[in-house]
Amino acid sequence: MGWFDKKEKEKGIPSLPKLPKLPELPRIDDEIDYSDKPIHQLPSFPNSSFGEKFSQEAIKDAIAGEKESEEVFDPNEFAQDRMQMMEKPLTREIPEGFKDVTKKVRKIEPVFIRLDKFEESLQIFDETKSKILEIEKILRDIKEIKDDEERELSSWENEIQLIKKQIEKVDKEIFSRIE
């Protein structure tokens, strides 16, 4: 049986072949001659104290060839400029032509509504409709009751007026003779 036999020795992975040698690349310093190339004008920066300081530093760095990581900025130099920038919010006016186009685009675009939100809106709409109908019915009933009360009150006033006339008549006929 092969269960209790000694395990076969695992075969080793064969070694990879050696990489071929690549030709040497020429050095960058040897090929590039900086004296032949014309020096382009440096970009201009905004006319502010921050812009002038930054421009002077950029010129110094370009001439001296310092690395950017060696630059050290003093945060106090920028505090005043930053505060001035915060005071003036940027406002851009949109031309009238663009406003009209955005309105047209909004009209053309389809409106997507989730199905559950749509069904919920329909249910709320139906409930509101039924409540409005109920309120209208109650208002009609109240108006009918009010009209009935008005009729009753007017009939009472008429009866009172009638009774007054009868009393005056009796008063004239009976008590006027007594004097």
C-alpha atoms as a PDB file:
ATOM      1  CA  MET A   1       0.000   0.000   0.000  1.00  0.00           C
ATOM      2  CA  GLY A   2       1.186   3.456  -0.816  1.00  0.00           C
ATOM      3  CA  TRP A   3      -0.220   5.153   2.231  1.00  0.00           C
ATOM      4  CA  PHE A   4       2.575   4.469   4.639  1.00  0.00           C
ATOM      5  CA  ASP A   5       5.472   4.683   2.188  1.00  0.00           C
ATOM      6  CA  LYS A   6       8.025   7.432   2.444  1.00  0.00           C
ATOM      7  CA  LYS A   7       7.114  10.530   0.580  1.00  0.00           C
ATOM      8  CA  GLU A   8       8.834  11.090  -2.672  1.00  0.00           C
ATOM      9  CA  LYS A   9      11.300  13.907  -2.687  1.00  0.00           C
ATOM     10  CA  GLU A  10       9.809  16.998  -4.259  1.00  0.00           C
ATOM     11  CA  LYS A  11      11.418  17.994  -7.444  1.00  0.00           C
ATOM     12  CA  GLY A  12      13.080  21.419  -7.249  1.00  0.00           C
ATOM     13  CA  ILE A  13      12.098  24.286  -9.449  1.00  0.00           C
ATOM     14  CA  PRO A  14      14.583  24.679 -12.267  1.00  0.00           C
ATOM     15  CA  SER A  15      16.619  27.870 -12.092  1.00  0.00           C
ATOM     16  CA  LEU A  16      15.769  30.708 -14.436  1.00  0.00           C
ATOM     17  CA  PRO A  17      18.107  31.541 -17.280  1.00  0.00           C
ATOM     18  CA  LYS A  18      20.299  34.616 -16.859  1.00  0.00           C
ATOM     19  CA  LEU A  19      19.060  37.864 -18.342  1.00  0.00           C
ATOM     20  CA  PRO A  20      20.857  39.146 -21.409  1.00  0.00           C
ATOM     21  CA  LYS A  21      23.057  42.204 -20.968  1.00  0.00           C
ATOM     22  CA  LEU A  22      21.546  45.470 -22.150  1.00  0.00           C
ATOM     23  CA  PRO A  23      23.591  48.115 -23.904  1.00  0.00           C
ATOM     24  CA  GLU A  24      24.646  51.031 -21.725  1.00  0.00           C
ATOM     25  CA  LEU A  25      22.570  54.180 -22.062  1.00  0.00           C
ATOM     26  CA  PRO A  26      24.350  57.468 -22.675  1.00  0.00           C
ATOM     27  CA  ARG A  27      24.504  59.864 -19.721  1.00  0.00           C
ATOM     28  CA  ILE A  28      22.083  62.760 -19.759  1.00  0.00           C
ATOM     29  CA  ASP A  29      24.680  65.353 -18.759  1.00  0.00           C
ATOM     30  CA  ASP A  30      26.833  64.518 -21.774  1.00  0.00           C
ATOM     31  CA  GLU A  31      24.132  64.980 -24.423  1.00  0.00           C
ATOM     32  CA  ILE A  32      22.305  68.138 -23.321  1.00  0.00           C
ATOM     33  CA  ASP A  33      24.082  71.398 -23.948  1.00  0.00           C
ATOM     34  CA  TYR A  34      22.253  74.191 -22.162  1.00  0.00           C
ATOM     35  CA  SER A  35      24.278  77.015 -23.657  1.00  0.00           C
ATOM     36  CA  ASP A  36      22.754  76.559 -27.140  1.00  0.00           C
ATOM     37  CA  LYS A  37      19.123  76.852 -26.028  1.00  0.00           C
ATOM     38  CA  PRO A  38      17.609  80.346 -25.685  1.00  0.00           C
ATOM     39  CA  ILE A  39      16.320  81.328 -22.266  1.00  0.00           C
ATOM     40  CA  HIS A  40      12.587  82.021 -22.339  1.00  0.00           C
ATOM     41  CA  GLN A  41      11.038  84.904 -20.462  1.00  0.00           C
ATOM     42  CA  LEU A  42       9.718  84.006 -17.029  1.00  0.00           C
ATOM     43  CA  PRO A  43       5.956  84.148 -16.449  1.00  0.00           C
ATOM     44  CA  SER A  44       4.491  87.211 -14.791  1.00  0.00           C
ATOM     45  CA  PHE A  45       2.620  86.989 -11.495  1.00  0.00           C
ATOM     46  CA  PRO A  46      -0.264  89.129 -10.163  1.00  0.00           C
ATOM     47  CA  ASN A  47       0.452  92.668  -9.008  1.00  0.00           C
ATOM     48  CA  SER A  48       0.243  92.247  -5.252  1.00  0.00           C
ATOM     49  CA  SER A  49       2.748  92.003  -2.420  1.00  0.00           C
ATOM     50  CA  PHE A  50       2.370  88.230  -2.512  1.00  0.00           C
ATOM     51  CA  GLY A  51       2.851  88.169  -6.294  1.00  0.00           C
ATOM     52  CA  GLU A  52       5.967  90.347  -6.136  1.00  0.00           C
ATOM     53  CA  LYS A  53       7.571  88.231  -3.398  1.00  0.00           C
ATOM     54  CA  PHE A  54       6.668  85.023  -5.204  1.00  0.00           C
ATOM     55  CA  SER A  55       7.982  86.429  -8.507  1.00  0.00           C
ATOM     56  CA  GLN A  56      11.296  87.444  -6.905  1.00  0.00           C
ATOM     57  CA  GLU A  57      11.675  84.020  -5.317  1.00  0.00           C
ATOM     58  CA  ALA A  58      10.879  82.282  -8.619  1.00  0.00           C
ATOM     59  CA  ILE A  59      13.478  84.376 -10.457  1.00  0.00           C
ATOM     60  CA  LYS A  60      16.105  83.682  -7.797  1.00  0.00           C
ATOM     61  CA  ASP A  61      15.381  79.968  -7.965  1.00  0.00           C
ATOM     62  CA  ALA A  62      15.521  79.933 -11.762  1.00  0.00           C
ATOM     63  CA  ILE A  63      18.886  81.675 -11.768  1.00  0.00           C
ATOM     64  CA  ALA A  64      20.422  79.791  -8.850  1.00  0.00           C
ATOM     65  CA  GLY A  65      18.891  76.438  -9.838  1.00  0.00           C
ATOM     66  CA  GLU A  66      17.703  75.645  -6.306  1.00  0.00           C
ATOM     67  CA  LYS A  67      15.315  72.783  -5.730  1.00  0.00           C
ATOM     68  CA  GLU A  68      11.706  73.548  -4.852  1.00  0.00           C
ATOM     69  CA  SER A  69      11.897  71.502  -1.676  1.00  0.00           C
ATOM     70  CA  GLU A  70      14.530  73.864  -0.257  1.00  0.00           C
ATOM     71  CA  GLU A  71      12.176  76.871  -0.398  1.00  0.00           C
ATOM     72  CA  VAL A  72      10.893  78.070   2.937  1.00  0.00           C
ATOM     73  CA  PHE A  73       7.820  80.285   3.135  1.00  0.00           C
ATOM     74  CA  ASP A  74       6.960  82.406   6.119  1.00  0.00           C
ATOM     75  CA  PRO A  75       3.225  82.031   6.844  1.00  0.00           C
ATOM     76  CA  ASN A  76       3.073  85.589   8.217  1.00  0.00           C
ATOM     77  CA  GLU A  77       3.871  86.952   4.740  1.00  0.00           C
ATOM     78  CA  PHE A  78       0.657  85.495   3.336  1.00  0.00           C
ATOM     79  CA  ALA A  79      -1.727  86.215   6.239  1.00  0.00           C
ATOM     80  CA  GLN A  80      -2.656  89.725   5.105  1.00  0.00           C
ATOM     81  CA  ASP A  81      -3.129  88.730   1.454  1.00  0.00           C
ATOM     82  CA  ARG A  82      -5.247  85.735   2.442  1.00  0.00           C
ATOM     83  CA  MET A  83      -7.516  87.939   4.564  1.00  0.00           C
ATOM     84  CA  GLN A  84      -7.941  90.360   1.651  1.00  0.00           C
ATOM     85  CA  MET A  85      -8.827  87.501  -0.652  1.00  0.00           C
ATOM     86  CA  MET A  86     -11.462  86.199   1.767  1.00  0.00           C
ATOM     87  CA  GLU A  87     -13.156  89.588   1.987  1.00  0.00           C
ATOM     88  CA  LYS A  88     -13.850  89.732  -1.754  1.00  0.00           C
ATOM     89  CA  PRO A  89     -15.925  86.744  -2.891  1.00  0.00           C
ATOM     90  CA  LEU A  90     -15.671  85.852  -6.533  1.00  0.00           C
ATOM     91  CA  THR A  91     -18.776  86.695  -8.484  1.00  0.00           C
ATOM     92  CA  ARG A  92     -19.263  85.832 -12.104  1.00  0.00           C
ATOM     93  CA  GLU A  93     -22.242  86.856 -14.111  1.00  0.00           C
ATOM     94  CA  ILE A  94     -23.690  84.346 -16.515  1.00  0.00           C
ATOM     95  CA  PRO A  95     -24.464  85.844 -19.927  1.00  0.00           C
ATOM     96  CA  GLU A  96     -28.144  86.026 -20.854  1.00  0.00           C
ATOM     97  CA  GLY A  97     -27.732  83.564 -23.727  1.00  0.00           C
ATOM     98  CA  PHE A  98     -26.502  80.850 -21.391  1.00  0.00           C
ATOM     99  CA  LYS A  99     -29.369  81.387 -18.945  1.00  0.00           C
ATOM    100  CA  ASP A 100     -31.917  80.774 -21.707  1.00  0.00           C
ATOM    101  CA  VAL A 101     -30.100  77.643 -22.851  1.00  0.00           C
ATOM    102  CA  THR A 102     -30.027  76.178 -19.332  1.00  0.00           C
ATOM    103  CA  LYS A 103     -33.782  76.739 -18.989  1.00  0.00           C
ATOM    104  CA  LYS A 104     -34.407  74.910 -22.267  1.00  0.00           C
ATOM    105  CA  VAL A 105     -32.134  72.038 -21.293  1.00  0.00           C
ATOM    106  CA  ARG A 106     -33.955  71.589 -18.004  1.00  0.00           C
ATOM    107  CA  LYS A 107     -37.287  71.402 -19.845  1.00  0.00           C
ATOM    108  CA  ILE A 108     -36.058  68.751 -22.263  1.00  0.00           C
ATOM    109  CA  GLU A 109     -34.435  66.453 -19.704  1.00  0.00           C
ATOM    110  CA  PRO A 110     -36.588  63.572 -18.424  1.00  0.00           C
ATOM    111  CA  VAL A 111     -37.443  63.434 -14.747  1.00  0.00           C
ATOM    112  CA  PHE A 112     -36.666  60.159 -13.006  1.00  0.00           C
ATOM    113  CA  ILE A 113     -38.642  59.196  -9.905  1.00  0.00           C
ATOM    114  CA  ARG A 114     -38.237  56.049  -7.884  1.00  0.00           C
ATOM    115  CA  LEU A 115     -41.254  53.757  -8.161  1.00  0.00           C
ATOM    116  CA  ASP A 116     -41.792  53.513  -4.393  1.00  0.00           C
ATOM    117  CA  LYS A 117     -41.695  57.317  -4.063  1.00  0.00           C
ATOM    118  CA  PHE A 118     -44.182  57.623  -6.928  1.00  0.00           C
ATOM    119  CA  GLU A 119     -46.588  55.122  -5.331  1.00  0.00           C
ATOM    120  CA  GLU A 120     -46.229  56.863  -1.964  1.00  0.00           C
ATOM    121  CA  SER A 121     -47.005  60.207  -3.628  1.00  0.00           C
ATOM    122  CA  LEU A 122     -50.088  58.717  -5.307  1.00  0.00           C
ATOM    123  CA  GLN A 123     -51.309  57.378  -1.968  1.00  0.00           C
ATOM    124  CA  ILE A 124     -50.788  60.761  -0.293  1.00  0.00           C
ATOM    125  CA  PHE A 125     -52.572  62.431  -3.216  1.00  0.00           C
ATOM    126  CA  ASP A 126     -55.571  60.080  -2.909  1.00  0.00           C
ATOM    127  CA  GLU A 127     -55.751  60.565   0.875  1.00  0.00           C
ATOM    128  CA  THR A 128     -55.651  64.337   0.440  1.00  0.00           C
ATOM    129  CA  LYS A 129     -58.369  64.142  -2.195  1.00  0.00           C
ATOM    130  CA  SER A 130     -60.645  62.115   0.092  1.00  0.00           C
ATOM    131  CA  LYS A 131     -60.048  64.518   3.000  1.00  0.00           C
ATOM    132  CA  ILE A 132     -60.933  67.478   0.796  1.00  0.00           C
ATOM    133  CA  LEU A 133     -64.163  65.764  -0.286  1.00  0.00           C
ATOM    134  CA  GLU A 134     -65.004  65.025   3.358  1.00  0.00           C
ATOM    135  CA  ILE A 135     -64.355  68.648   4.343  1.00  0.00           C
ATOM    136  CA  GLU A 136     -66.578  69.877   1.486  1.00  0.00           C
ATOM    137  CA  LYS A 137     -69.400  67.570   2.641  1.00  0.00           C
ATOM    138  CA  ILE A 138     -69.080  68.804   6.232  1.00  0.00           C
ATOM    139  CA  LEU A 139     -69.161  72.413   5.013  1.00  0.00           C
ATOM    140  CA  ARG A 140     -72.350  71.735   3.013  1.00  0.00           C
ATOM    141  CA  ASP A 141     -73.946  70.154   6.101  1.00  0.00           C
ATOM    142  CA  ILE A 142     -72.934  73.120   8.249  1.00  0.00           C
ATOM    143  CA  LYS A 143     -74.391  75.537   5.682  1.00  0.00           C
ATOM    144  CA  GLU A 144     -77.672  73.591   5.665  1.00  0.00           C
ATOM    145  CA  ILE A 145     -77.823  73.673   9.458  1.00  0.00           C
ATOM    146  CA  LYS A 146     -77.035  77.391   9.428  1.00  0.00           C
ATOM    147  CA  ASP A 147     -79.776  78.025   6.866  1.00  0.00           C
ATOM    148  CA  ASP A 148     -82.231  76.005   8.961  1.00  0.00           C
ATOM    149  CA  GLU A 149     -81.296  78.018  12.047  1.00  0.00           C
ATOM    150  CA  GLU A 150     -81.725  81.281  10.135  1.00  0.00           C
ATOM    151  CA  ARG A 151     -85.175  80.199   8.966  1.00  0.00           C
ATOM    152  CA  GLU A 152     -86.126  79.191  12.502  1.00  0.00           C
ATOM    153  CA  LEU A 153     -84.882  82.490  13.911  1.00  0.00           C
ATOM    154  CA  SER A 154     -86.744  84.498  11.302  1.00  0.00           C
ATOM    155  CA  SER A 155     -89.938  82.544  12.028  1.00  0.00           C
ATOM    156  CA  TRP A 156     -89.533  83.288  15.746  1.00  0.00           C
ATOM    157  CA  GLU A 157     -89.024  86.975  14.990  1.00  0.00           C
ATOM    158  CA  ASN A 158     -92.192  86.950  12.904  1.00  0.00           C
ATOM    159  CA  GLU A 159     -94.128  85.266  15.720  1.00  0.00           C
ATOM    160  CA  ILE A 160     -92.801  87.792  18.226  1.00  0.00           C
ATOM    161  CA  GLN A 161     -93.822  90.661  15.948  1.00  0.00           C
ATOM    162  CA  LEU A 162     -97.250  89.101  15.570  1.00  0.00           C
ATOM    163  CA  ILE A 163     -97.642  88.708  19.327  1.00  0.00           C
ATOM    164  CA  LYS A 164     -96.552  92.336  19.853  1.00  0.00           C
ATOM    165  CA  LYS A 165     -99.183  93.546  17.403  1.00  0.00           C
ATOM    166  CA  GLN A 166    -101.846  91.522  19.142  1.00  0.00           C
ATOM    167  CA  ILE A 167    -100.812  92.879  22.525  1.00  0.00           C
ATOM    168  CA  GLU A 168    -100.857  96.448  21.225  1.00  0.00           C
ATOM    169  CA  LYS A 169    -104.276  95.855  19.708  1.00  0.00           C
ATOM    170  CA  VAL A 170    -105.622  94.502  22.990  1.00  0.00           C
ATOM    171  CA  ASP A 171    -103.985  97.362  24.859  1.00  0.00           C
ATOM    172  CA  LYS A 172    -105.634  99.933  22.632  1.00  0.00           C
ATOM    173  CA  GLU A 173    -109.036  98.332  22.728  1.00  0.00           C
ATOM    174  CA  ILE A 174    -109.282  97.489  26.390  1.00  0.00           C
ATOM    175  CA  PHE A 175    -106.990  99.804  28.304  1.00  0.00           C
ATOM    176  CA  SER A 176    -107.541 102.925  26.249  1.00  0.00           C
ATOM    177  CA  ARG A 177    -111.210 103.000  27.314  1.00  0.00           C
ATOM    178  CA  ILE A 178    -110.335 102.815  30.972  1.00  0.00           C
ATOM    179  CA  GLU A 179    -108.853 106.223  31.162  1.00  0.00           C
END
